[in-house]
Structure formats: structure tokens, C-alpha cells
Amino acid sequence: MASEACKKGQVRIDNESVKPSREVYPMAEITVRKNQINYKLKITDLPDSRVGAKLVDIYRMDLTPKSEFEQQELLKYSKEYYRAKGDGRPTKKDRRDITDYWNDNETKEN
């Protein structure tokens, strides 16, 4: 999955697109785009050998701004309102909203 993300340009180190084989060094800043969120991570140190997932946080700092997560929440709420394309004809409320929209545009033009 990481190799695919690198090939798609979703992984950047110090604002440069990278190949999957790129080595990282302490103080490097990694940006990863996942689920429409740009995660920013800074490497503080490199372990001497492989470590478990619980210990990874010792070697990195999460610099992702909270605004990225807030934007994701807003996007989630906006998607819940609309039906998927092809889910039948508009409801009565949808038809009223469309009619109101058209009437508002006609009065603005006149």
C-alpha cells in the first residue's frame, strides 16, 4: 500500500515527491495524503532495529493541523444530506427546493 501511495504522489518528504525506496533521516518532514487528509509527520529519531507499532510514536511527531480533521467532518456531513446518484426520483422536498431555486433566480434576473 505504501508503494502504491508513493507511485501516486501521495507521499512527500520535505515537499518532494518520493519513490518507495527513499531513505528517511531524522528531522525529515513527511506529508501523506490519506482519506482526503494531509497528515504531516516529523521524524525525531531512527530506531536501531525494528520496533512494534506501539513504540513508533517515540520516533515521530504528528504535526497535522486540526483544521484538516475539521474539514473532513464538514465533508462527511455534507455527503450525508445528498442521495447517491440514481437513487430514484427527487422527493417532494427536493422538488420544492428546486422550484424555489428557479423562482429565486428568475426574480433576480428581472
Protein backbone atom coordinates (compact mmCIF):
# COMPACT_ATOMS: atom_id res chain seq x y z
CA MET A 1 0.00 0.00 0.00
CA ALA A 2 2.86 2.38 0.81
CA SER A 3 4.50 1.70 -2.56
CA GLU A 4 1.25 2.47 -4.37
CA ALA A 5 0.83 5.70 -2.40
CA CYS A 6 4.37 6.78 -3.34
CA LYS A 7 3.77 5.99 -7.00
CA LYS A 8 0.56 8.04 -6.97
CA GLY A 9 2.37 11.02 -5.45
CA GLN A 10 0.53 10.88 -2.14
CA VAL A 11 3.75 10.72 -0.09
CA ARG A 12 6.17 13.64 0.10
CA ILE A 13 9.35 14.13 2.09
CA ASP A 14 10.35 17.76 2.61
CA ASN A 15 7.80 18.77 -0.08
CA GLU A 16 9.31 16.50 -2.75
CA SER A 17 7.56 13.53 -4.34
CA VAL A 18 9.44 10.36 -3.46
CA LYS A 19 9.98 6.83 -4.70
CA PRO A 20 9.14 3.87 -2.42
CA SER A 21 12.85 3.17 -1.81
CA ARG A 22 13.65 6.67 -0.48
CA GLU A 23 15.54 6.64 2.83
CA VAL A 24 14.45 8.92 5.64
CA TYR A 25 16.58 10.74 8.15
CA PRO A 26 15.92 12.44 11.48
CA MET A 27 14.20 15.84 11.25
CA ALA A 28 12.67 14.99 7.87
CA GLU A 29 9.07 16.09 7.41
CA ILE A 30 6.77 13.57 5.74
CA THR A 31 3.40 14.51 4.24
CA VAL A 32 0.97 11.70 3.48
CA ARG A 33 -2.42 12.20 1.82
CA LYS A 34 -4.90 9.60 3.07
CA ASN A 35 -8.71 9.79 3.06
CA GLN A 36 -8.57 13.43 1.87
CA ILE A 37 -6.46 14.46 4.87
CA ASN A 38 -2.85 15.65 4.58
CA TYR A 39 -1.04 14.11 7.55
CA LYS A 40 2.24 15.81 8.48
CA LEU A 41 4.80 13.81 10.44
CA LYS A 42 8.28 14.76 11.60
CA ILE A 43 10.88 12.08 12.26
CA THR A 44 12.67 12.75 15.55
CA ASP A 45 14.98 9.74 15.61
CA LEU A 46 15.55 6.38 13.94
CA PRO A 47 15.36 3.13 15.92
CA ASP A 48 18.36 0.80 15.90
CA SER A 49 16.18 -2.15 14.92
CA ARG A 50 12.55 -2.87 14.11
CA VAL A 51 10.05 -1.88 16.78
CA GLY A 52 6.41 -2.66 17.43
CA ALA A 53 3.61 -0.35 16.37
CA LYS A 54 3.10 0.88 19.94
CA LEU A 55 6.64 2.25 20.06
CA VAL A 56 6.58 4.12 16.75
CA ASP A 57 5.27 7.31 18.41
CA ILE A 58 8.59 7.64 20.26
CA TYR A 59 10.34 8.28 16.95
CA ARG A 60 7.89 10.67 15.27
CA MET A 61 5.84 13.79 15.96
CA ASP A 62 2.40 14.35 14.48
CA LEU A 63 2.19 17.92 13.10
CA THR A 64 -1.16 17.53 11.33
CA PRO A 65 -3.23 20.70 11.86
CA LYS A 66 -6.65 20.27 13.46
CA SER A 67 -8.22 22.16 10.55
CA GLU A 68 -7.58 19.11 8.33
CA PHE A 69 -9.75 16.94 10.59
CA GLU A 70 -12.44 19.64 10.91
CA GLN A 71 -12.63 19.90 7.13
CA GLN A 72 -13.11 16.11 6.94
CA GLU A 73 -16.01 16.33 9.43
CA LEU A 74 -17.72 19.03 7.35
CA LEU A 75 -17.28 16.97 4.22
CA LYS A 76 -18.80 13.94 5.94
CA TYR A 77 -21.90 15.90 6.99
CA SER A 78 -22.37 17.40 3.53
CA LYS A 79 -22.28 13.93 1.93
CA GLU A 80 -24.93 12.56 4.29
CA TYR A 81 -27.53 15.05 3.07
CA TYR A 82 -27.42 14.12 -0.60
CA ARG A 83 -28.64 10.86 -2.06
CA ALA A 84 -26.43 8.77 -4.26
CA LYS A 85 -26.87 9.32 -7.99
CA GLY A 86 -29.61 7.13 -9.38
CA ASP A 87 -31.44 6.59 -6.10
CA GLY A 88 -34.80 7.31 -7.65
CA ARG A 89 -36.68 10.46 -8.38
CA PRO A 90 -36.49 13.59 -6.21
CA THR A 91 -38.59 13.68 -3.07
CA LYS A 92 -41.35 16.22 -2.59
CA LYS A 93 -38.99 18.40 -0.53
CA ASP A 94 -36.32 18.17 -3.24
CA ARG A 95 -38.84 19.29 -5.86
CA ARG A 96 -39.89 22.25 -3.68
CA ASP A 97 -36.25 23.24 -3.20
CA ILE A 98 -35.64 23.07 -6.96
CA THR A 99 -38.74 25.16 -7.66
CA ASP A 100 -37.73 27.74 -5.05
CA TYR A 101 -34.25 27.90 -6.55
CA TRP A 102 -35.60 28.52 -10.05
CA ASN A 103 -38.09 31.12 -8.81
CA ASP A 104 -35.36 32.97 -6.89
CA ASN A 105 -33.13 33.09 -9.98
CA GLU A 106 -35.98 34.37 -12.18
CA THR A 107 -36.78 37.22 -9.78
CA LYS A 108 -33.09 38.22 -9.58
CA GLU A 109 -32.84 38.40 -13.37
CA ASN A 110 -35.94 40.63 -13.68
